[in-house]
């Protein structure tokens, strides 16, 4: 049986309350403790790899953002018609849903890229 490598060294850093909460959320999304998550991200970065902890969360965030974008598109279109006193047929509603689903991934990616450009934690 192979002995596991003992971890005897530690690394510490200071973060703000907001940064800590954000890091903790990412760790929880990955089903890990904050320490496990940070270790994985740091080691992957040091090895020139994209951390799995960030990839899985990124995929989840992208999927969630896509659904929110689609829902927003549908809701705004329905409300606009209602405010103007128009009725929505079942066929029109289906077209709205189809159009929102078609554009949602592209729009979500654009919004996430814009958010990433605005800065880190």
Protein backbone atom coordinates (compact mmCIF):
# COMPACT_ATOMS: atom_id res chain seq x y z
CA UNK A 1 0.00 0.00 0.00
CA UNK A 2 1.33 3.46 -0.99
CA UNK A 3 1.56 6.00 1.81
CA UNK A 4 -0.21 9.29 1.07
CA UNK A 5 2.01 12.36 0.96
CA UNK A 6 1.72 14.32 4.19
CA UNK A 7 0.94 17.98 3.87
CA UNK A 8 3.09 19.76 6.42
CA UNK A 9 3.39 23.27 4.96
CA UNK A 10 0.72 25.96 4.89
CA UNK A 11 0.11 29.14 2.92
CA UNK A 12 -1.90 32.04 4.25
CA UNK A 13 -3.29 35.23 2.80
CA UNK A 14 -5.60 38.04 3.83
CA UNK A 15 -8.84 38.72 1.98
CA UNK A 16 -11.76 41.06 2.54
CA UNK A 17 -15.10 39.84 3.89
CA UNK A 18 -16.55 40.08 0.37
CA UNK A 19 -13.67 38.15 -1.19
CA UNK A 20 -13.89 35.47 1.49
CA UNK A 21 -17.61 35.02 0.91
CA UNK A 22 -17.06 34.75 -2.84
CA UNK A 23 -14.29 32.17 -2.45
CA UNK A 24 -16.39 30.20 0.01
CA UNK A 25 -19.33 30.14 -2.45
CA UNK A 26 -17.08 28.76 -5.20
CA UNK A 27 -15.77 26.07 -2.86
CA UNK A 28 -19.30 25.09 -1.83
CA UNK A 29 -20.42 24.91 -5.46
CA UNK A 30 -17.63 22.41 -6.05
CA UNK A 31 -18.60 20.42 -2.94
CA UNK A 32 -15.27 21.17 -1.24
CA UNK A 33 -14.01 22.90 1.84
CA UNK A 34 -12.44 26.28 1.24
CA UNK A 35 -8.98 24.84 1.96
CA UNK A 36 -9.41 21.95 -0.50
CA UNK A 37 -10.72 24.29 -3.18
CA UNK A 38 -7.90 26.82 -2.72
CA UNK A 39 -5.26 24.06 -2.80
CA UNK A 40 -6.66 22.69 -6.07
CA UNK A 41 -6.80 26.11 -7.70
CA UNK A 42 -3.29 27.10 -6.58
CA UNK A 43 -1.66 23.83 -7.63
CA UNK A 44 -3.38 23.80 -11.00
CA UNK A 45 -2.30 27.38 -11.60
CA UNK A 46 1.28 26.58 -10.59
CA UNK A 47 1.25 23.64 -13.03
CA UNK A 48 0.01 25.85 -15.87
CA UNK A 49 -3.37 24.12 -15.94
CA UNK A 50 -6.88 25.47 -15.82
CA UNK A 51 -8.21 24.52 -12.38
CA UNK A 52 -11.03 21.95 -12.48
CA UNK A 53 -12.61 23.80 -9.57
CA UNK A 54 -13.01 26.84 -11.78
CA UNK A 55 -14.04 24.91 -14.89
CA UNK A 56 -16.96 23.15 -13.24
CA UNK A 57 -18.16 26.30 -11.53
CA UNK A 58 -17.67 28.19 -14.77
CA UNK A 59 -19.85 25.73 -16.64
CA UNK A 60 -22.51 25.92 -13.95
CA UNK A 61 -22.41 29.70 -13.90
CA UNK A 62 -22.59 29.83 -17.70
CA UNK A 63 -25.61 27.51 -17.79
CA UNK A 64 -27.38 29.47 -15.07
CA UNK A 65 -26.63 32.77 -16.77
CA UNK A 66 -27.98 31.40 -20.07
CA UNK A 67 -31.26 30.42 -18.43
CA UNK A 68 -31.56 33.81 -16.72
CA UNK A 69 -30.90 35.61 -19.99
CA UNK A 70 -33.58 33.54 -21.75
CA UNK A 71 -36.08 34.10 -18.95
CA UNK A 72 -35.41 37.84 -18.98
CA UNK A 73 -35.88 37.99 -22.74
CA UNK A 74 -39.20 36.17 -22.56
CA UNK A 75 -40.45 38.19 -19.60
CA UNK A 76 -39.60 41.55 -21.12
CA UNK A 77 -41.24 40.65 -24.42
CA UNK A 78 -44.43 39.44 -22.70
CA UNK A 79 -44.60 42.51 -20.46
CA UNK A 80 -44.02 44.83 -23.40
CA UNK A 81 -46.96 43.30 -25.26
CA UNK A 82 -49.19 43.49 -22.18
CA UNK A 83 -48.32 47.13 -21.49
CA UNK A 84 -49.29 47.94 -25.08
CA UNK A 85 -52.63 46.15 -24.63
CA UNK A 86 -51.74 43.29 -26.97
CA UNK A 87 -52.62 39.65 -26.37
CA UNK A 88 -50.12 36.89 -26.91
CA UNK A 89 -51.14 33.77 -28.79
CA UNK A 90 -49.73 30.34 -28.00
CA UNK A 91 -47.80 30.41 -31.29
CA UNK A 92 -46.28 33.82 -30.49
CA UNK A 93 -45.30 32.62 -27.04
CA UNK A 94 -43.60 29.56 -28.52
CA UNK A 95 -41.70 31.78 -30.97
CA UNK A 96 -40.51 33.94 -28.07
CA UNK A 97 -39.33 30.87 -26.18
CA UNK A 98 -37.57 29.44 -29.24
CA UNK A 99 -35.84 32.75 -29.99
CA UNK A 100 -34.74 33.17 -26.36
CA UNK A 101 -33.36 29.61 -26.31
CA UNK A 102 -31.48 30.18 -29.56
CA UNK A 103 -29.70 33.31 -28.31
CA UNK A 104 -29.23 32.48 -24.63
CA UNK A 105 -25.78 30.83 -24.75
CA UNK A 106 -24.25 33.59 -26.88
CA UNK A 107 -25.74 36.36 -24.72
CA UNK A 108 -24.70 34.64 -21.49
CA UNK A 109 -21.11 34.31 -22.75
CA UNK A 110 -21.07 38.01 -23.70
CA UNK A 111 -22.32 39.07 -20.26
CA UNK A 112 -19.88 36.81 -18.42
CA UNK A 113 -16.98 38.12 -20.53
CA UNK A 114 -18.04 41.70 -19.79
CA UNK A 115 -18.18 40.88 -16.07
CA UNK A 116 -14.74 39.24 -16.19
CA UNK A 117 -13.27 42.38 -17.82
CA UNK A 118 -14.63 44.55 -15.01
CA UNK A 119 -12.12 42.96 -12.63
CA UNK A 120 -11.44 40.13 -10.18
CA UNK A 121 -13.05 39.46 -6.79
